Amino acid sequence: MKIWVNVLALLVLIASLVAGKMYWNHQASEQSAVRPTKIESSSYTKGEEASWKKYAQNLPKSVIAKIEQAEKHKSLLS
């Protein structure tokens, strides 16, 4: 009797997992169809060229120097 209860519980578990996964996929596909993702164009301007420096404040000085050298080298190639 205990074996049949365990088998029944296992079948209920598997069925609920499959049904939940199917429901989740259905809801996710409906949401993506209703609300598409908007992609905005980049608004890069010349004034933003040095903006990386405010993000690199906590980096080691050697890394900042290498980034500056790469930036100078890039401007020489342009």
N, C-alpha and C. Protein backbone atom coordinates (compact mmCIF):
# COMPACT_ATOMS: atom_id res chain seq x y z
N MET A 1 0.82 -1.19 0.00
CA MET A 1 0.00 0.00 0.00
C MET A 1 0.87 1.26 0.00
N LYS A 2 1.95 1.24 0.81
CA LYS A 2 2.84 2.40 0.86
C LYS A 2 3.48 2.67 -0.50
N ILE A 3 3.80 1.62 -1.21
CA ILE A 3 4.43 1.77 -2.52
C ILE A 3 3.50 2.49 -3.47
N TRP A 4 2.22 2.14 -3.47
CA TRP A 4 1.26 2.76 -4.38
C TRP A 4 1.04 4.23 -4.04
N VAL A 5 1.08 4.57 -2.77
CA VAL A 5 0.93 5.97 -2.37
C VAL A 5 2.13 6.77 -2.86
N ASN A 6 3.31 6.20 -2.74
CA ASN A 6 4.52 6.89 -3.21
C ASN A 6 4.53 7.03 -4.73
N VAL A 7 4.10 5.99 -5.43
CA VAL A 7 4.03 6.05 -6.89
C VAL A 7 3.03 7.12 -7.32
N LEU A 8 1.86 7.15 -6.67
CA LEU A 8 0.85 8.15 -6.98
C LEU A 8 1.37 9.55 -6.70
N ALA A 9 2.07 9.75 -5.58
CA ALA A 9 2.63 11.06 -5.25
C ALA A 9 3.69 11.47 -6.27
N LEU A 10 4.48 10.54 -6.74
CA LEU A 10 5.48 10.82 -7.75
C LEU A 10 4.83 11.23 -9.07
N LEU A 11 3.78 10.54 -9.46
CA LEU A 11 3.07 10.88 -10.69
C LEU A 11 2.43 12.26 -10.59
N VAL A 12 1.86 12.59 -9.45
CA VAL A 12 1.26 13.91 -9.24
C VAL A 12 2.35 14.99 -9.30
N LEU A 13 3.49 14.73 -8.72
CA LEU A 13 4.61 15.67 -8.75
C LEU A 13 5.06 15.92 -10.19
N ILE A 14 5.26 14.87 -10.95
CA ILE A 14 5.72 15.01 -12.33
C ILE A 14 4.67 15.75 -13.16
N ALA A 15 3.40 15.39 -12.98
CA ALA A 15 2.34 16.05 -13.74
C ALA A 15 2.26 17.53 -13.40
N SER A 16 2.40 17.89 -12.13
CA SER A 16 2.34 19.31 -11.75
C SER A 16 3.54 20.08 -12.28
N LEU A 17 4.72 19.47 -12.32
CA LEU A 17 5.89 20.14 -12.88
C LEU A 17 5.73 20.37 -14.38
N VAL A 18 5.23 19.39 -15.09
CA VAL A 18 5.03 19.53 -16.53
C VAL A 18 3.97 20.59 -16.81
N ALA A 19 2.86 20.54 -16.07
CA ALA A 19 1.79 21.52 -16.28
C ALA A 19 2.28 22.93 -15.94
N GLY A 20 3.06 23.09 -14.90
CA GLY A 20 3.60 24.39 -14.53
C GLY A 20 4.55 24.93 -15.58
N LYS A 21 5.38 24.08 -16.13
CA LYS A 21 6.31 24.50 -17.18
C LYS A 21 5.57 24.92 -18.44
N MET A 22 4.52 24.17 -18.80
CA MET A 22 3.73 24.53 -19.97
C MET A 22 3.01 25.86 -19.75
N TYR A 23 2.48 26.08 -18.55
CA TYR A 23 1.81 27.33 -18.22
C TYR A 23 2.80 28.49 -18.28
N TRP A 24 3.98 28.30 -17.73
CA TRP A 24 5.01 29.34 -17.73
C TRP A 24 5.41 29.73 -19.15
N ASN A 25 5.63 28.74 -20.00
CA ASN A 25 6.00 29.01 -21.38
C ASN A 25 4.89 29.76 -22.12
N HIS A 26 3.65 29.39 -21.84
CA HIS A 26 2.52 30.05 -22.49
C HIS A 26 2.44 31.51 -22.06
N GLN A 27 2.59 31.78 -20.77
CA GLN A 27 2.52 33.15 -20.27
C GLN A 27 3.69 33.98 -20.80
N ALA A 28 4.86 33.40 -20.87
CA ALA A 28 6.04 34.13 -21.36
C ALA A 28 5.90 34.48 -22.84
N SER A 29 5.36 33.56 -23.63
CA SER A 29 5.20 33.84 -25.06
C SER A 29 4.13 34.90 -25.29
N GLU A 30 3.08 34.92 -24.47
CA GLU A 30 2.05 35.95 -24.59
C GLU A 30 2.60 37.32 -24.25
N GLN A 31 3.40 37.41 -23.22
CA GLN A 31 3.95 38.71 -22.80
C GLN A 31 4.90 39.26 -23.85
N SER A 32 5.72 38.41 -24.45
CA SER A 32 6.67 38.91 -25.44
C SER A 32 5.95 39.34 -26.71
N ALA A 33 4.82 38.73 -27.02
CA ALA A 33 4.07 39.11 -28.22
C ALA A 33 3.31 40.41 -27.98
N VAL A 34 2.84 40.63 -26.77
CA VAL A 34 2.05 41.82 -26.46
C VAL A 34 2.94 43.05 -26.31
N ARG A 35 4.07 42.89 -25.66
CA ARG A 35 4.93 44.03 -25.35
C ARG A 35 6.31 43.83 -25.95
N PRO A 36 6.52 44.24 -27.20
CA PRO A 36 7.85 44.07 -27.81
C PRO A 36 8.88 45.00 -27.16
N THR A 37 10.11 44.61 -27.24
CA THR A 37 11.20 45.37 -26.66
C THR A 37 11.56 46.53 -27.57
N LYS A 38 11.65 47.73 -27.00
CA LYS A 38 12.01 48.90 -27.78
C LYS A 38 13.52 49.08 -27.72
N ILE A 39 14.12 49.25 -28.87
CA ILE A 39 15.56 49.46 -28.96
C ILE A 39 15.80 50.91 -29.33
N GLU A 40 16.49 51.62 -28.46
CA GLU A 40 16.77 53.02 -28.71
C GLU A 40 18.12 53.17 -29.40
N SER A 41 18.23 54.18 -30.21
CA SER A 41 19.49 54.42 -30.90
C SER A 41 20.49 55.05 -29.93
N SER A 42 21.74 54.84 -30.22
CA SER A 42 22.80 55.38 -29.38
C SER A 42 22.94 56.88 -29.61
N SER A 43 23.10 57.60 -28.53
CA SER A 43 23.25 59.05 -28.64
C SER A 43 24.65 59.45 -28.18
N TYR A 44 25.66 58.93 -28.85
CA TYR A 44 27.04 59.21 -28.51
C TYR A 44 27.42 60.59 -29.04
N THR A 45 27.99 61.41 -28.18
CA THR A 45 28.45 62.73 -28.60
C THR A 45 29.92 62.87 -28.27
N LYS A 46 30.56 63.89 -28.81
CA LYS A 46 31.99 64.11 -28.58
C LYS A 46 32.28 64.40 -27.11
N GLY A 47 31.34 65.01 -26.41
CA GLY A 47 31.56 65.34 -25.00
C GLY A 47 31.61 64.12 -24.11
N GLU A 48 31.18 62.99 -24.61
CA GLU A 48 31.17 61.77 -23.81
C GLU A 48 32.43 60.94 -23.97
N GLU A 49 33.40 61.44 -24.72
CA GLU A 49 34.62 60.66 -24.95
C GLU A 49 35.36 60.38 -23.65
N ALA A 50 35.41 61.31 -22.74
CA ALA A 50 36.16 61.14 -21.50
C ALA A 50 35.29 60.60 -20.38
N SER A 51 34.08 60.16 -20.68
CA SER A 51 33.19 59.70 -19.63
C SER A 51 33.66 58.39 -18.98
N TRP A 52 34.53 57.65 -19.65
CA TRP A 52 35.01 56.41 -19.07
C TRP A 52 35.83 56.67 -17.82
N LYS A 53 36.38 57.88 -17.71
CA LYS A 53 37.24 58.19 -16.57
C LYS A 53 36.47 58.19 -15.25
N LYS A 54 35.21 58.61 -15.28
CA LYS A 54 34.45 58.60 -14.03
C LYS A 54 34.12 57.18 -13.60
N TYR A 55 34.07 56.24 -14.55
CA TYR A 55 33.82 54.84 -14.20
C TYR A 55 35.10 54.12 -13.80
N ALA A 56 36.24 54.67 -14.14
CA ALA A 56 37.52 54.02 -13.87
C ALA A 56 38.23 54.61 -12.66
N GLN A 57 37.53 55.33 -11.85
CA GLN A 57 38.17 55.99 -10.70
C GLN A 57 38.78 54.99 -9.72
N ASN A 58 38.18 53.83 -9.56
CA ASN A 58 38.66 52.86 -8.57
C ASN A 58 39.66 51.86 -9.14
N LEU A 59 39.98 51.98 -10.42
CA LEU A 59 40.95 51.08 -11.03
C LEU A 59 42.37 51.48 -10.63
N PRO A 60 43.29 50.54 -10.67
CA PRO A 60 44.69 50.88 -10.40
C PRO A 60 45.23 51.87 -11.44
N LYS A 61 46.18 52.68 -11.01
CA LYS A 61 46.73 53.72 -11.88
C LYS A 61 47.39 53.13 -13.13
N SER A 62 47.98 51.94 -13.01
CA SER A 62 48.60 51.32 -14.18
C SER A 62 47.56 50.96 -15.24
N VAL A 63 46.39 50.52 -14.81
CA VAL A 63 45.34 50.18 -15.76
C VAL A 63 44.81 51.44 -16.43
N ILE A 64 44.63 52.50 -15.66
CA ILE A 64 44.15 53.76 -16.22
C ILE A 64 45.15 54.29 -17.24
N ALA A 65 46.45 54.16 -16.94
CA ALA A 65 47.48 54.62 -17.88
C ALA A 65 47.42 53.82 -19.19
N LYS A 66 47.20 52.52 -19.09
CA LYS A 66 47.10 51.70 -20.30
C LYS A 66 45.86 52.06 -21.12
N ILE A 67 44.77 52.36 -20.46
CA ILE A 67 43.56 52.77 -21.18
C ILE A 67 43.79 54.10 -21.88
N GLU A 68 44.47 55.03 -21.20
CA GLU A 68 44.76 56.32 -21.82
C GLU A 68 45.68 56.16 -23.03
N GLN A 69 46.67 55.26 -22.90
CA GLN A 69 47.56 55.00 -24.04
C GLN A 69 46.78 54.42 -25.21
N ALA A 70 45.88 53.52 -24.93
CA ALA A 70 45.07 52.92 -25.99
C ALA A 70 44.17 53.97 -26.65
N GLU A 71 43.66 54.87 -25.84
CA GLU A 71 42.80 55.93 -26.37
C GLU A 71 43.62 56.87 -27.27
N LYS A 72 44.84 57.21 -26.84
CA LYS A 72 45.71 58.07 -27.66
C LYS A 72 46.08 57.36 -28.95
N HIS A 73 46.39 56.08 -28.85
CA HIS A 73 46.75 55.30 -30.03
C HIS A 73 45.57 55.22 -31.00
N LYS A 74 44.38 55.09 -30.47
CA LYS A 74 43.18 55.03 -31.30
C LYS A 74 42.98 56.36 -32.02
N SER A 75 43.20 57.46 -31.32
CA SER A 75 43.00 58.79 -31.96
C SER A 75 44.07 59.05 -33.02
N LEU A 76 45.25 58.45 -32.87
CA LEU A 76 46.29 58.60 -33.88
C LEU A 76 45.93 57.83 -35.15
N LEU A 77 45.26 56.73 -34.99
CA LEU A 77 44.87 55.93 -36.14
C LEU A 77 43.72 56.55 -36.91
N SER A 78 42.92 57.34 -36.26
CA SER A 78 41.74 57.93 -36.92
C SER A 78 42.09 59.04 -37.86
